[in-house]
Amino acid sequence: TMASPNDLQFQEFEEAAELLSADPGASTVSMSASNTPTAAAGGEEVKLDLSEDEDAQEENSELLGGQKPSGGFWTFEYYQSFFNVDTVQVLDRVKGSVMPLPGRNFIKHYLRNNPDLYGPFWICVTLVFSVAISGDLSTFLSEMKNPAYHYRPHFHRVPVAAIVIFLYAWLVPIGLWGFLTWRKGAERQIGGYSFLETVCVYGYSLFIYIPTSVLWLIPFEWLRWALVLVAMVISGSVLVLTFWPVVRDDTKVTAVATVVTIVVLHTLLAVGCKMYFFQTADHLPTPVPTSPANHITLTTKAH
């Protein structure tokens, strides 16, 4: 036998009564089988509490918008947000660091208020090993035809490269960010860059030296210095085009001195790495030739 609509409604209310008796705080929503919405008895409207869904949507929109979650610096989530980038973003920022264009700010066009430490960290690590290994191979190739030369790996070059590169990639941005923050003051600090953005642009600016250090294996000194000059111009242009809009509102002397300091420190890093890790045969310490000892032969006459 088919159940009448009254029997179905009665069973529905009976099930609801059992649920309410088990959990008095529970709420039930009755859905009508018809396609058109119906009003509740007495003309009252049924309202659903969507506050939790709205909060979830707001959190998703914040994550999609690139905003970093707030938390203490002692939490893992605080540092995890600094590595929240994908491969496409990293490659796009690497491309921007090797193709600086006038009027295109690296922070405004590529970071977009979402700086990361993933790219700068691996760029510095790769640069440390590429400079140390390429410099060791360059020394071996230049002295390969010297019979008095005995190859031995220079393991001490790896920690030296790590100290120089990581100190430059961290201490210089710290000093520059502190100086710019002090010059701008509290009332004008809104237009400046954050500390993380400053570190990020310095880290990505070093990428051009990775292929340059590999090309330094070519045993032509004039070509090596030409590669140094090209890498310095490309990498320095990224820094100048990024920080000039911030310092140009300052006094003329301070603005020019700040940009010159940025360029000089960057030049010292490139020239220092070239001269220390890629020494030519003329600058390598030559072993002191040992002359054979003079042997005095004493002859005695037999009697």
C-alpha atoms as a PDB file:
ATOM      1  CA  THR A   1       0.000   0.000   0.000  1.00  0.00           C
ATOM      2  CA  MET A   2       1.189   3.498  -0.751  1.00  0.00           C
ATOM      3  CA  ALA A   3       1.662   5.834   2.174  1.00  0.00           C
ATOM      4  CA  SER A   4      -0.361   8.973   2.174  1.00  0.00           C
ATOM      5  CA  PRO A   5       1.319  12.389   2.514  1.00  0.00           C
ATOM      6  CA  ASN A   6      -0.085  12.692   6.029  1.00  0.00           C
ATOM      7  CA  ASP A   7       1.629   9.465   7.076  1.00  0.00           C
ATOM      8  CA  LEU A   8       4.984  10.696   5.685  1.00  0.00           C
ATOM      9  CA  GLN A   9       4.698  13.990   7.539  1.00  0.00           C
ATOM     10  CA  PHE A  10       3.803  12.189  10.730  1.00  0.00           C
ATOM     11  CA  GLN A  11       6.864   9.926  10.455  1.00  0.00           C
ATOM     12  CA  GLU A  12       9.067  12.932   9.736  1.00  0.00           C
ATOM     13  CA  PHE A  13       7.896  14.781  12.830  1.00  0.00           C
ATOM     14  CA  GLU A  14       8.261  11.615  14.869  1.00  0.00           C
ATOM     15  CA  GLU A  15      11.923  11.231  13.809  1.00  0.00           C
ATOM     16  CA  ALA A  16      12.553  14.883  14.625  1.00  0.00           C
ATOM     17  CA  ALA A  17      11.059  14.425  18.074  1.00  0.00           C
ATOM     18  CA  GLU A  18      13.362  11.460  18.735  1.00  0.00           C
ATOM     19  CA  LEU A  19      16.437  13.521  17.695  1.00  0.00           C
ATOM     20  CA  LEU A  20      15.408  16.401  19.917  1.00  0.00           C
ATOM     21  CA  SER A  21      14.919  14.115  22.875  1.00  0.00           C
ATOM     22  CA  ALA A  22      18.419  12.697  22.354  1.00  0.00           C
ATOM     23  CA  ASP A  23      20.048  16.134  21.837  1.00  0.00           C
ATOM     24  CA  PRO A  24      17.945  19.087  23.023  1.00  0.00           C
ATOM     25  CA  GLY A  25      20.394  21.602  21.503  1.00  0.00           C
ATOM     26  CA  ALA A  26      20.158  20.207  17.983  1.00  0.00           C
ATOM     27  CA  SER A  27      18.277  22.002  15.247  1.00  0.00           C
ATOM     28  CA  THR A  28      16.481  20.405  12.330  1.00  0.00           C
ATOM     29  CA  VAL A  29      15.690  21.768   8.892  1.00  0.00           C
ATOM     30  CA  SER A  30      12.777  20.395   6.915  1.00  0.00           C
ATOM     31  CA  MET A  31      13.173  20.311   3.134  1.00  0.00           C
ATOM     32  CA  SER A  32      10.070  20.246   0.978  1.00  0.00           C
ATOM     33  CA  ALA A  33       9.815  17.846  -1.917  1.00  0.00           C
ATOM     34  CA  SER A  34       8.408  20.487  -4.206  1.00  0.00           C
ATOM     35  CA  ASN A  35      10.628  22.664  -6.432  1.00  0.00           C
ATOM     36  CA  THR A  36       9.194  25.965  -5.157  1.00  0.00           C
ATOM     37  CA  PRO A  37      10.277  27.259  -1.732  1.00  0.00           C
ATOM     38  CA  THR A  38       7.579  27.269   0.911  1.00  0.00           C
ATOM     39  CA  ALA A  39       7.278  29.494   3.943  1.00  0.00           C
ATOM     40  CA  ALA A  40       7.144  28.106   7.436  1.00  0.00           C
ATOM     41  CA  ALA A  41       3.964  28.010   9.408  1.00  0.00           C
ATOM     42  CA  GLY A  42       2.782  31.416  10.558  1.00  0.00           C
ATOM     43  CA  GLY A  43       4.709  33.219   7.773  1.00  0.00           C
ATOM     44  CA  GLU A  44       8.030  32.920   9.613  1.00  0.00           C
ATOM     45  CA  GLU A  45      11.194  32.549   7.495  1.00  0.00           C
ATOM     46  CA  VAL A  46      13.704  29.822   8.140  1.00  0.00           C
ATOM     47  CA  LYS A  47      17.244  31.242   8.475  1.00  0.00           C
ATOM     48  CA  LEU A  48      20.389  29.154   8.381  1.00  0.00           C
ATOM     49  CA  ASP A  49      23.474  30.045  10.378  1.00  0.00           C
ATOM     50  CA  LEU A  50      26.267  30.451   7.792  1.00  0.00           C
ATOM     51  CA  SER A  51      28.761  32.227  10.018  1.00  0.00           C
ATOM     52  CA  GLU A  52      31.209  29.294   9.978  1.00  0.00           C
ATOM     53  CA  ASP A  53      31.063  29.049   6.174  1.00  0.00           C
ATOM     54  CA  GLU A  54      31.654  32.786   5.854  1.00  0.00           C
ATOM     55  CA  ASP A  55      34.682  32.564   8.131  1.00  0.00           C
ATOM     56  CA  ALA A  56      36.078  29.721   6.025  1.00  0.00           C
ATOM     57  CA  GLN A  57      35.548  31.743   2.853  1.00  0.00           C
ATOM     58  CA  GLU A  58      37.347  34.720   4.378  1.00  0.00           C
ATOM     59  CA  GLU A  59      40.312  32.539   5.347  1.00  0.00           C
ATOM     60  CA  ASN A  60      40.496  31.101   1.831  1.00  0.00           C
ATOM     61  CA  SER A  61      40.364  34.557   0.302  1.00  0.00           C
ATOM     62  CA  GLU A  62      43.212  35.706   2.545  1.00  0.00           C
ATOM     63  CA  LEU A  63      45.365  32.748   1.501  1.00  0.00           C
ATOM     64  CA  LEU A  64      44.587  33.284  -2.165  1.00  0.00           C
ATOM     65  CA  GLY A  65      45.393  36.944  -1.805  1.00  0.00           C
ATOM     66  CA  GLY A  66      48.913  36.125  -0.618  1.00  0.00           C
ATOM     67  CA  GLN A  67      48.497  37.405   2.942  1.00  0.00           C
ATOM     68  CA  LYS A  68      50.708  35.608   5.423  1.00  0.00           C
ATOM     69  CA  PRO A  69      49.031  34.169   8.518  1.00  0.00           C
ATOM     70  CA  SER A  70      49.769  36.016  11.698  1.00  0.00           C
ATOM     71  CA  GLY A  71      51.554  34.084  14.404  1.00  0.00           C
ATOM     72  CA  GLY A  72      54.466  34.207  16.780  1.00  0.00           C
ATOM     73  CA  PHE A  73      57.975  33.921  15.416  1.00  0.00           C
ATOM     74  CA  TRP A  74      58.481  30.822  17.560  1.00  0.00           C
ATOM     75  CA  THR A  75      55.827  28.881  15.625  1.00  0.00           C
ATOM     76  CA  PHE A  76      56.526  26.683  12.611  1.00  0.00           C
ATOM     77  CA  GLU A  77      53.665  28.261  10.643  1.00  0.00           C
ATOM     78  CA  TYR A  78      55.377  31.655  10.885  1.00  0.00           C
ATOM     79  CA  TYR A  79      58.444  30.466   8.951  1.00  0.00           C
ATOM     80  CA  GLN A  80      56.471  28.132   6.707  1.00  0.00           C
ATOM     81  CA  SER A  81      54.695  31.136   5.203  1.00  0.00           C
ATOM     82  CA  PHE A  82      58.040  32.468   3.914  1.00  0.00           C
ATOM     83  CA  PHE A  83      58.414  29.388   1.685  1.00  0.00           C
ATOM     84  CA  ASN A  84      54.850  29.416   0.372  1.00  0.00           C
ATOM     85  CA  VAL A  85      55.702  29.764  -3.339  1.00  0.00           C
ATOM     86  CA  ASP A  86      55.378  27.491  -6.339  1.00  0.00           C
ATOM     87  CA  THR A  87      57.760  26.749  -9.201  1.00  0.00           C
ATOM     88  CA  VAL A  88      56.059  29.182 -11.566  1.00  0.00           C
ATOM     89  CA  GLN A  89      56.511  32.096  -9.167  1.00  0.00           C
ATOM     90  CA  VAL A  90      60.174  31.265  -8.510  1.00  0.00           C
ATOM     91  CA  LEU A  91      60.962  30.957 -12.224  1.00  0.00           C
ATOM     92  CA  ASP A  92      59.170  34.231 -12.920  1.00  0.00           C
ATOM     93  CA  ARG A  93      61.238  36.001 -10.271  1.00  0.00           C
ATOM     94  CA  VAL A  94      64.451  34.447 -11.569  1.00  0.00           C
ATOM     95  CA  LYS A  95      63.569  35.690 -15.050  1.00  0.00           C
ATOM     96  CA  GLY A  96      62.963  39.169 -13.662  1.00  0.00           C
ATOM     97  CA  SER A  97      66.369  39.146 -11.935  1.00  0.00           C
ATOM     98  CA  VAL A  98      68.260  38.436 -15.174  1.00  0.00           C
ATOM     99  CA  MET A  99      66.150  40.736 -17.387  1.00  0.00           C
ATOM    100  CA  PRO A 100      65.967  44.115 -15.630  1.00  0.00           C
ATOM    101  CA  LEU A 101      63.974  46.691 -17.561  1.00  0.00           C
ATOM    102  CA  PRO A 102      63.850  50.461 -16.920  1.00  0.00           C
ATOM    103  CA  GLY A 103      60.731  51.455 -15.058  1.00  0.00           C
ATOM    104  CA  ARG A 104      60.035  47.899 -13.864  1.00  0.00           C
ATOM    105  CA  ASN A 105      60.470  47.547 -10.127  1.00  0.00           C
ATOM    106  CA  PHE A 106      61.397  44.010  -9.103  1.00  0.00           C
ATOM    107  CA  ILE A 107      59.441  44.149  -5.834  1.00  0.00           C
ATOM    108  CA  LYS A 108      56.323  45.710  -7.341  1.00  0.00           C
ATOM    109  CA  HIS A 109      56.191  43.604 -10.517  1.00  0.00           C
ATOM    110  CA  TYR A 110      57.434  40.197  -9.324  1.00  0.00           C
ATOM    111  CA  LEU A 111      57.062  39.891  -5.549  1.00  0.00           C
ATOM    112  CA  ARG A 112      53.583  41.498  -5.373  1.00  0.00           C
ATOM    113  CA  ASN A 113      53.553  41.730  -1.566  1.00  0.00           C
ATOM    114  CA  ASN A 114      54.423  38.026  -1.295  1.00  0.00           C
ATOM    115  CA  PRO A 115      58.207  37.804  -0.752  1.00  0.00           C
ATOM    116  CA  ASP A 116      59.771  34.422  -0.117  1.00  0.00           C
ATOM    117  CA  LEU A 117      62.974  32.976   1.265  1.00  0.00           C
ATOM    118  CA  TYR A 118      62.855  29.750  -0.765  1.00  0.00           C
ATOM    119  CA  GLY A 119      64.415  31.229  -3.894  1.00  0.00           C
ATOM    120  CA  PRO A 120      67.122  33.330  -2.158  1.00  0.00           C
ATOM    121  CA  PHE A 121      68.178  30.422   0.071  1.00  0.00           C
ATOM    122  CA  TRP A 122      68.679  27.921  -2.754  1.00  0.00           C
ATOM    123  CA  ILE A 123      70.264  30.548  -4.990  1.00  0.00           C
ATOM    124  CA  CYS A 124      72.882  31.271  -2.302  1.00  0.00           C
ATOM    125  CA  VAL A 125      73.509  27.551  -1.662  1.00  0.00           C
ATOM    126  CA  THR A 126      73.885  26.825  -5.382  1.00  0.00           C
ATOM    127  CA  LEU A 127      76.168  29.823  -5.842  1.00  0.00           C
ATOM    128  CA  VAL A 128      78.424  28.679  -2.995  1.00  0.00           C
ATOM    129  CA  PHE A 129      79.064  25.285  -4.593  1.00  0.00           C
ATOM    130  CA  SER A 130      79.229  26.575  -8.166  1.00  0.00           C
ATOM    131  CA  VAL A 131      81.863  29.181  -7.283  1.00  0.00           C
ATOM    132  CA  ALA A 132      83.947  26.807  -5.146  1.00  0.00           C
ATOM    133  CA  ILE A 133      83.823  23.847  -7.539  1.00  0.00           C
ATOM    134  CA  SER A 134      84.309  25.946 -10.682  1.00  0.00           C
ATOM    135  CA  GLY A 135      87.248  27.736  -9.092  1.00  0.00           C
ATOM    136  CA  ASP A 136      88.859  24.411  -8.176  1.00  0.00           C
ATOM    137  CA  LEU A 137      88.367  23.070 -11.692  1.00  0.00           C
ATOM    138  CA  SER A 138      89.738  26.279 -13.175  1.00  0.00           C
ATOM    139  CA  THR A 139      92.932  25.923 -11.155  1.00  0.00           C
ATOM    140  CA  PHE A 140      93.285  22.300 -12.237  1.00  0.00           C
ATOM    141  CA  LEU A 141      92.789  23.121 -15.933  1.00  0.00           C
ATOM    142  CA  SER A 142      95.259  25.990 -15.874  1.00  0.00           C
ATOM    143  CA  GLU A 143      97.977  23.878 -14.193  1.00  0.00           C
ATOM    144  CA  MET A 144      97.244  20.591 -15.948  1.00  0.00           C
ATOM    145  CA  LYS A 145     100.249  20.918 -18.277  1.00  0.00           C
ATOM    146  CA  ASN A 146     102.628  21.786 -15.472  1.00  0.00           C
ATOM    147  CA  PRO A 147     104.553  18.615 -14.522  1.00  0.00           C
ATOM    148  CA  ALA A 148     105.469  20.028 -11.130  1.00  0.00           C
ATOM    149  CA  TYR A 149     101.805  20.618 -10.192  1.00  0.00           C
ATOM    150  CA  HIS A 150     100.075  18.027  -8.024  1.00  0.00           C
ATOM    151  CA  TYR A 151      96.306  18.384  -7.803  1.00  0.00           C
ATOM    152  CA  ARG A 152      94.705  18.503  -4.400  1.00  0.00           C
ATOM    153  CA  PRO A 153      91.094  19.595  -3.772  1.00  0.00           C
ATOM    154  CA  HIS A 154      90.614  22.908  -2.006  1.00  0.00           C
ATOM    155  CA  PHE A 155      87.862  22.022   0.435  1.00  0.00           C
ATOM    156  CA  HIS A 156      88.457  25.217   2.389  1.00  0.00           C
ATOM    157  CA  ARG A 157      86.976  27.226  -0.490  1.00  0.00           C
ATOM    158  CA  VAL A 158      83.462  25.947   0.233  1.00  0.00           C
ATOM    159  CA  PRO A 159      83.167  27.455   3.751  1.00  0.00           C
ATOM    160  CA  VAL A 160      84.890  30.627   2.558  1.00  0.00           C
ATOM    161  CA  ALA A 161      82.358  31.014  -0.254  1.00  0.00           C
ATOM    162  CA  ALA A 162      79.482  30.239   2.131  1.00  0.00           C
ATOM    163  CA  ILE A 163      80.585  32.855   4.654  1.00  0.00           C
ATOM    164  CA  VAL A 164      81.123  35.571   2.042  1.00  0.00           C
ATOM    165  CA  ILE A 165      77.916  34.968   0.068  1.00  0.00           C
ATOM    166  CA  PHE A 166      75.552  34.458   3.009  1.00  0.00           C
ATOM    167  CA  LEU A 167      76.976  37.415   4.918  1.00  0.00           C
ATOM    168  CA  TYR A 168      76.476  39.597   1.860  1.00  0.00           C
ATOM    169  CA  ALA A 169      72.956  38.271   1.238  1.00  0.00           C
ATOM    170  CA  TRP A 170      71.904  38.974   4.843  1.00  0.00           C
ATOM    171  CA  LEU A 171      74.032  41.691   6.428  1.00  0.00           C
ATOM    172  CA  VAL A 172      73.841  44.132   3.518  1.00  0.00           C
ATOM    173  CA  PRO A 173      70.013  43.962   3.288  1.00  0.00           C
ATOM    174  CA  ILE A 174      69.775  44.356   7.076  1.00  0.00           C
ATOM    175  CA  GLY A 175      71.937  47.462   6.981  1.00  0.00           C
ATOM    176  CA  LEU A 176      70.138  48.911   3.969  1.00  0.00           C
ATOM    177  CA  TRP A 177      66.673  48.255   5.406  1.00  0.00           C
ATOM    178  CA  GLY A 178      67.646  49.777   8.746  1.00  0.00           C
ATOM    179  CA  PHE A 179      69.115  52.847   7.079  1.00  0.00           C
ATOM    180  CA  LEU A 180      66.088  53.417   4.838  1.00  0.00           C
ATOM    181  CA  THR A 181      63.701  52.924   7.756  1.00  0.00           C
ATOM    182  CA  TRP A 182      65.637  55.458   9.830  1.00  0.00           C
ATOM    183  CA  ARG A 183      65.730  58.001   6.993  1.00  0.00           C
ATOM    184  CA  LYS A 184      62.063  57.763   6.193  1.00  0.00           C
ATOM    185  CA  GLY A 185      60.776  58.071   9.716  1.00  0.00           C
ATOM    186  CA  ALA A 186      57.515  56.803  11.129  1.00  0.00           C
ATOM    187  CA  GLU A 187      55.250  59.114   9.140  1.00  0.00           C
ATOM    188  CA  ARG A 188      56.707  58.133   5.735  1.00  0.00           C
ATOM    189  CA  GLN A 189      57.525  54.497   6.396  1.00  0.00           C
ATOM    190  CA  ILE A 190      54.417  53.268   4.551  1.00  0.00           C
ATOM    191  CA  GLY A 191      56.004  53.739   1.138  1.00  0.00           C
ATOM    192  CA  GLY A 192      59.155  51.749   1.987  1.00  0.00           C
ATOM    193  CA  TYR A 193      60.015  48.083   1.684  1.00  0.00           C
ATOM    194  CA  SER A 194      59.784  45.479   4.389  1.00  0.00           C
ATOM    195  CA  PHE A 195      62.817  43.611   5.673  1.00  0.00           C
ATOM    196  CA  LEU A 196      61.726  40.401   3.952  1.00  0.00           C
ATOM    197  CA  GLU A 197      61.297  42.173   0.614  1.00  0.00           C
ATOM    198  CA  THR A 198      64.802  43.660   0.895  1.00  0.00           C
ATOM    199  CA  VAL A 199      66.370  40.265   1.615  1.00  0.00           C
ATOM    200  CA  CYS A 200      64.357  38.669  -1.185  1.00  0.00           C
ATOM    201  CA  VAL A 201      65.464  41.089  -3.896  1.00  0.00           C
ATOM    202  CA  TYR A 202      69.122  40.735  -2.836  1.00  0.00           C
ATOM    203  CA  GLY A 203      68.877  36.952  -2.950  1.00  0.00           C
ATOM    204  CA  TYR A 204      67.359  36.839  -6.420  1.00  0.00           C
ATOM    205  CA  SER A 205      69.862  39.400  -7.719  1.00  0.00           C
ATOM    206  CA  LEU A 206      72.658  36.858  -7.135  1.00  0.00           C
ATOM    207  CA  PHE A 207      71.240  34.292  -9.559  1.00  0.00           C
ATOM    208  CA  ILE A 208      73.129  35.719 -12.557  1.00  0.00           C
ATOM    209  CA  TYR A 209      76.436  34.740 -10.901  1.00  0.00           C
ATOM    210  CA  ILE A 210      75.584  31.011 -11.013  1.00  0.00           C
ATOM    211  CA  PRO A 211      75.891  30.626 -14.814  1.00  0.00           C
ATOM    212  CA  THR A 212      78.662  33.236 -14.789  1.00  0.00           C
ATOM    213  CA  SER A 213      80.766  31.173 -12.378  1.00  0.00           C
ATOM    214  CA  VAL A 214      80.396  28.143 -14.654  1.00  0.00           C
ATOM    215  CA  LEU A 215      81.442  30.180 -17.700  1.00  0.00           C
ATOM    216  CA  TRP A 216      84.531  31.333 -15.793  1.00  0.00           C
ATOM    217  CA  LEU A 217      85.968  27.879 -16.555  1.00  0.00           C
ATOM    218  CA  ILE A 218      86.814  29.151 -20.043  1.00  0.00           C
ATOM    219  CA  PRO A 219      90.577  29.788 -19.853  1.00  0.00           C
ATOM    220  CA  PHE A 220      90.583  33.308 -21.293  1.00  0.00           C
ATOM    221  CA  GLU A 221      91.208  36.036 -18.780  1.00  0.00           C
ATOM    222  CA  TRP A 222      89.726  38.817 -20.909  1.00  0.00           C
ATOM    223  CA  LEU A 223      86.518  36.788 -21.318  1.00  0.00           C
ATOM    224  CA  ARG A 224      86.286  36.187 -17.584  1.00  0.00           C
ATOM    225  CA  TRP A 225      86.498  39.899 -16.820  1.00  0.00           C
ATOM    226  CA  ALA A 226      83.952  40.627 -19.534  1.00  0.00           C
ATOM    227  CA  LEU A 227      81.580  38.120 -17.908  1.00  0.00           C
ATOM    228  CA  VAL A 228      82.175  39.783 -14.541  1.00  0.00           C
ATOM    229  CA  LEU A 229      81.244  43.149 -16.013  1.00  0.00           C
ATOM    230  CA  VAL A 230      78.073  41.810 -17.653  1.00  0.00           C
ATOM    231  CA  ALA A 231      76.956  40.040 -14.474  1.00  0.00           C
ATOM    232  CA  MET A 232      77.632  43.158 -12.387  1.00  0.00           C
ATOM    233  CA  VAL A 233      75.606  45.366 -14.743  1.00  0.00           C
ATOM    234  CA  ILE A 234      72.634  42.986 -14.817  1.00  0.00           C
ATOM    235  CA  SER A 235      72.589  42.249 -11.098  1.00  0.00           C
ATOM    236  CA  GLY A 236      73.350  45.816 -10.075  1.00  0.00           C
ATOM    237  CA  SER A 237      70.604  47.148 -12.322  1.00  0.00           C
ATOM    238  CA  VAL A 238      68.048  45.042 -10.449  1.00  0.00           C
ATOM    239  CA  LEU A 239      69.106  46.633  -7.164  1.00  0.00           C
ATOM    240  CA  VAL A 240      69.328  50.190  -8.491  1.00  0.00           C
ATOM    241  CA  LEU A 241      65.954  50.047 -10.265  1.00  0.00           C
ATOM    242  CA  THR A 242      64.391  48.629  -7.093  1.00  0.00           C
ATOM    243  CA  PHE A 243      65.785  50.991  -4.461  1.00  0.00           C
ATOM    244  CA  TRP A 244      66.106  54.223  -6.418  1.00  0.00           C
ATOM    245  CA  PRO A 245      62.351  55.010  -6.231  1.00  0.00           C
ATOM    246  CA  VAL A 246      62.635  54.761  -2.437  1.00  0.00           C
ATOM    247  CA  VAL A 247      65.692  56.980  -1.943  1.00  0.00           C
ATOM    248  CA  ARG A 248      65.044  59.605  -4.630  1.00  0.00           C
ATOM    249  CA  ASP A 249      62.700  61.526  -2.334  1.00  0.00           C
ATOM    250  CA  ASP A 250      65.535  62.004   0.140  1.00  0.00           C
ATOM    251  CA  THR A 251      68.214  64.663  -0.170  1.00  0.00           C
ATOM    252  CA  LYS A 252      70.276  64.463  -3.334  1.00  0.00           C
ATOM    253  CA  VAL A 253      73.518  63.690  -1.522  1.00  0.00           C
ATOM    254  CA  THR A 254      71.951  60.913   0.557  1.00  0.00           C
ATOM    255  CA  ALA A 255      70.183  59.371  -2.443  1.00  0.00           C
ATOM    256  CA  VAL A 256      73.327  59.283  -4.590  1.00  0.00           C
ATOM    257  CA  ALA A 257      75.485  58.026  -1.699  1.00  0.00           C
ATOM    258  CA  THR A 258      73.038  55.196  -0.968  1.00  0.00           C
ATOM    259  CA  VAL A 259      72.934  54.004  -4.576  1.00  0.00           C
ATOM    260  CA  VAL A 260      76.735  54.269  -4.920  1.00  0.00           C
ATOM    261  CA  THR A 261      77.185  52.218  -1.741  1.00  0.00           C
ATOM    262  CA  ILE A 262      74.861  49.519  -3.097  1.00  0.00           C
ATOM    263  CA  VAL A 263      76.808  49.352  -6.365  1.00  0.00           C
ATOM    264  CA  VAL A 264      80.244  49.384  -4.684  1.00  0.00           C
ATOM    265  CA  LEU A 265      79.387  46.542  -2.299  1.00  0.00           C
ATOM    266  CA  HIS A 266      77.977  44.526  -5.183  1.00  0.00           C
ATOM    267  CA  THR A 267      81.132  45.172  -7.234  1.00  0.00           C
ATOM    268  CA  LEU A 268      83.372  44.100  -4.363  1.00  0.00           C
ATOM    269  CA  LEU A 269      81.520  40.794  -4.114  1.00  0.00           C
ATOM    270  CA  ALA A 270      81.875  40.015  -7.842  1.00  0.00           C
ATOM    271  CA  VAL A 271      85.508  41.118  -8.160  1.00  0.00           C
ATOM    272  CA  GLY A 272      86.479  39.414  -4.903  1.00  0.00           C
ATOM    273  CA  CYS A 273      85.004  36.076  -5.982  1.00  0.00           C
ATOM    274  CA  LYS A 274      86.736  36.313  -9.358  1.00  0.00           C
ATOM    275  CA  MET A 275      90.162  37.114  -7.939  1.00  0.00           C
ATOM    276  CA  TYR A 276      90.054  34.622  -5.054  1.00  0.00           C
ATOM    277  CA  PHE A 277      88.432  31.573  -6.619  1.00  0.00           C
ATOM    278  CA  PHE A 278      89.642  31.984 -10.212  1.00  0.00           C
ATOM    279  CA  GLN A 279      93.301  32.826  -9.943  1.00  0.00           C
ATOM    280  CA  THR A 280      95.368  32.717 -13.100  1.00  0.00           C
ATOM    281  CA  ALA A 281      98.575  30.773 -13.443  1.00  0.00           C
ATOM    282  CA  ASP A 282     100.587  33.972 -12.952  1.00  0.00           C
ATOM    283  CA  HIS A 283      98.982  34.611  -9.534  1.00  0.00           C
ATOM    284  CA  LEU A 284      99.176  31.050  -8.262  1.00  0.00           C
ATOM    285  CA  PRO A 285     101.938  30.298  -5.784  1.00  0.00           C
ATOM    286  CA  THR A 286     104.659  28.458  -7.624  1.00  0.00           C
ATOM    287  CA  PRO A 287     106.572  25.756  -5.840  1.00  0.00           C
ATOM    288  CA  VAL A 288     110.165  26.629  -5.044  1.00  0.00           C
ATOM    289  CA  PRO A 289     112.454  24.455  -7.164  1.00  0.00           C
ATOM    290  CA  THR A 290     114.756  22.344  -5.139  1.00  0.00           C
ATOM    291  CA  SER A 291     118.250  22.138  -6.578  1.00  0.00           C
ATOM    292  CA  PRO A 292     119.937  18.788  -6.283  1.00  0.00           C
ATOM    293  CA  ALA A 293     122.377  18.577  -3.453  1.00  0.00           C
ATOM    294  CA  ASN A 294     125.986  18.801  -4.362  1.00  0.00           C
ATOM    295  CA  HIS A 295     127.635  15.490  -3.748  1.00  0.00           C
ATOM    296  CA  ILE A 296     131.319  15.547  -2.979  1.00  0.00           C
ATOM    297  CA  THR A 297     133.056  12.390  -3.896  1.00  0.00           C
ATOM    298  CA  LEU A 298     136.206  11.647  -2.018  1.00  0.00           C
ATOM    299  CA  THR A 299     138.570   9.304  -3.634  1.00  0.00           C
ATOM    300  CA  THR A 300     141.306   7.592  -1.843  1.00  0.00           C
ATOM    301  CA  LYS A 301     144.325   6.077  -3.416  1.00  0.00           C
ATOM    302  CA  ALA A 302     145.005   2.525  -2.709  1.00  0.00           C
ATOM    303  CA  HIS A 303     148.356   1.908  -1.324  1.00  0.00           C
END
